[in-house]
Amino acid sequence: DTINFCKENGYVETLMGRKRWLRDINSANFTVRGFAERNAINSPIQGTAADMIKLAMIKISQELKTQNFKSKMLLQVHDELVFDVLKEELDDIKPVILNSMQTAMKLPNEVPTDAELGFGNNWLEAH
């Protein structure tokens, strides 16, 4: 299992192979070791999610350039991307963003990747 792998190797990996080293995984201190064990479980999940959104950002950026959109990707907040979209581009850009996010990375066992889009004149309205 993940904790035993980490204890033997000193790290865990995301699905893309990015390593997170956890030097305290074999600590004699119960509290310190427990923190490292929780990180060993959480890091592959959260790290893979971070990898996925970065891949989606690359795909979206490439598509925005290729299709000559004037709209811009502004920022990432955890598992969310924020865009400044021109109203006249909204209908055309929706499938580009949605498809890029849903196909950023193929997960094992055919686990589907879902994404939602929200729109508004500000961040609050978009939610």
Protein backbone atom coordinates (compact mmCIF):
# COMPACT_ATOMS: atom_id res chain seq x y z
CA ASP A 1 0.00 0.00 0.00
CA THR A 2 0.96 3.66 -0.27
CA ILE A 3 2.35 4.13 3.24
CA ASN A 4 4.50 0.98 3.03
CA PHE A 5 5.79 2.03 -0.40
CA CYS A 6 6.73 5.41 1.04
CA LYS A 7 8.42 3.85 4.08
CA GLU A 8 10.55 1.67 1.79
CA ASN A 9 11.35 4.32 -0.83
CA GLY A 10 11.02 7.63 1.01
CA TYR A 11 8.61 9.13 -1.52
CA VAL A 12 5.21 8.83 -3.20
CA GLU A 13 4.34 9.63 -6.81
CA THR A 14 1.55 11.23 -8.76
CA LEU A 15 0.12 9.32 -11.73
CA MET A 16 2.47 11.34 -13.93
CA GLY A 17 5.49 10.20 -11.92
CA ARG A 18 6.15 13.41 -10.02
CA LYS A 19 7.75 12.50 -6.69
CA ARG A 20 7.03 13.92 -3.26
CA TRP A 21 9.79 13.06 -0.82
CA LEU A 22 8.67 12.55 2.78
CA ARG A 23 11.78 12.37 4.93
CA ASP A 24 9.81 11.92 8.16
CA ILE A 25 7.92 8.81 7.02
CA ASN A 26 10.08 6.58 9.27
CA SER A 27 10.38 9.02 12.16
CA ALA A 28 10.41 7.57 15.67
CA ASN A 29 8.18 10.46 16.73
CA PHE A 30 4.56 9.28 16.39
CA THR A 31 3.19 12.75 15.64
CA VAL A 32 5.81 13.58 13.02
CA ARG A 33 5.47 10.14 11.40
CA GLY A 34 1.66 10.44 11.38
CA PHE A 35 1.88 13.76 9.55
CA ALA A 36 4.15 12.18 6.92
CA GLU A 37 1.82 9.18 6.58
CA ARG A 38 -1.16 11.45 5.96
CA ASN A 39 0.89 13.29 3.34
CA ALA A 40 1.81 9.96 1.76
CA ILE A 41 -1.88 9.21 1.27
CA ASN A 42 -2.92 12.72 0.22
CA SER A 43 -0.02 13.72 -2.04
CA PRO A 44 -0.65 11.28 -4.92
CA ILE A 45 -4.29 12.39 -5.05
CA GLN A 46 -3.79 16.15 -4.73
CA GLY A 47 -0.59 16.05 -6.76
CA THR A 48 -2.27 14.23 -9.62
CA ALA A 49 -5.10 16.78 -9.56
CA ALA A 50 -2.48 19.55 -9.75
CA ASP A 51 -0.78 17.79 -12.67
CA MET A 52 -4.12 17.47 -14.45
CA ILE A 53 -5.03 21.12 -14.18
CA LYS A 54 -1.59 22.17 -15.38
CA LEU A 55 -2.00 19.95 -18.44
CA ALA A 56 -5.46 21.43 -19.03
CA MET A 57 -4.00 24.94 -18.80
CA ILE A 58 -1.39 24.08 -21.43
CA LYS A 59 -4.03 22.62 -23.77
CA ILE A 60 -6.35 25.59 -23.30
CA SER A 61 -3.54 28.10 -23.84
CA GLN A 62 -2.54 26.36 -27.06
CA GLU A 63 -6.15 26.26 -28.30
CA LEU A 64 -6.75 29.92 -27.49
CA LYS A 65 -3.71 30.83 -29.60
CA THR A 66 -4.47 28.38 -32.42
CA GLN A 67 -8.07 29.55 -32.73
CA ASN A 68 -7.14 33.23 -32.33
CA PHE A 69 -9.37 33.90 -29.34
CA LYS A 70 -8.99 37.32 -27.76
CA SER A 71 -10.28 35.98 -24.43
CA LYS A 72 -7.65 35.26 -21.78
CA MET A 73 -7.01 32.67 -19.11
CA LEU A 74 -6.35 34.75 -15.98
CA LEU A 75 -5.52 32.43 -13.10
CA GLN A 76 -5.84 29.10 -11.37
CA VAL A 77 -7.43 28.68 -7.94
CA HIS A 78 -7.00 25.08 -6.72
CA ASP A 79 -9.08 23.03 -9.20
CA GLU A 80 -10.59 26.04 -10.94
CA LEU A 81 -9.52 28.21 -13.85
CA VAL A 82 -10.67 31.81 -14.22
CA PHE A 83 -11.01 33.44 -17.65
CA ASP A 84 -11.80 36.87 -19.01
CA VAL A 85 -14.04 35.96 -21.95
CA LEU A 86 -15.42 38.35 -24.53
CA LYS A 87 -19.20 37.95 -24.81
CA GLU A 88 -18.98 37.41 -28.55
CA GLU A 89 -16.55 34.49 -27.99
CA LEU A 90 -18.46 32.81 -25.17
CA ASP A 91 -20.33 30.18 -27.20
CA ASP A 92 -17.22 29.24 -29.18
CA ILE A 93 -14.85 29.08 -26.21
CA LYS A 94 -17.06 26.93 -23.94
CA PRO A 95 -16.38 23.61 -25.72
CA VAL A 96 -12.67 24.40 -26.01
CA ILE A 97 -12.33 24.88 -22.25
CA LEU A 98 -14.59 21.98 -21.31
CA ASN A 99 -12.97 19.50 -23.69
CA SER A 100 -9.46 20.55 -22.68
CA MET A 101 -10.24 20.05 -19.01
CA GLN A 102 -12.01 16.72 -19.51
CA THR A 103 -9.28 15.27 -21.72
CA ALA A 104 -6.21 16.76 -20.02
CA MET A 105 -5.16 13.36 -18.68
CA LYS A 106 -6.46 9.83 -19.10
CA LEU A 107 -7.03 8.26 -15.70
CA PRO A 108 -6.59 4.54 -15.00
CA ASN A 109 -9.56 2.16 -15.06
CA GLU A 110 -11.44 4.53 -17.37
CA VAL A 111 -12.28 6.87 -14.48
CA PRO A 112 -14.16 9.77 -16.07
CA THR A 113 -13.00 13.33 -15.62
CA ASP A 114 -15.82 15.82 -15.29
CA ALA A 115 -15.69 19.59 -15.48
CA GLU A 116 -18.24 22.35 -15.04
CA LEU A 117 -18.37 25.82 -16.50
CA GLY A 118 -19.77 28.87 -14.77
CA PHE A 119 -20.24 32.30 -16.29
CA GLY A 120 -20.94 35.75 -14.94
CA ASN A 121 -19.84 39.35 -14.86
CA ASN A 122 -17.76 38.57 -11.77
CA TRP A 123 -16.46 35.57 -9.83
CA LEU A 124 -19.51 35.46 -7.54
CA GLU A 125 -21.97 35.38 -10.44
CA ALA A 126 -19.98 32.62 -12.11
CA HIS A 127 -20.62 30.39 -9.12
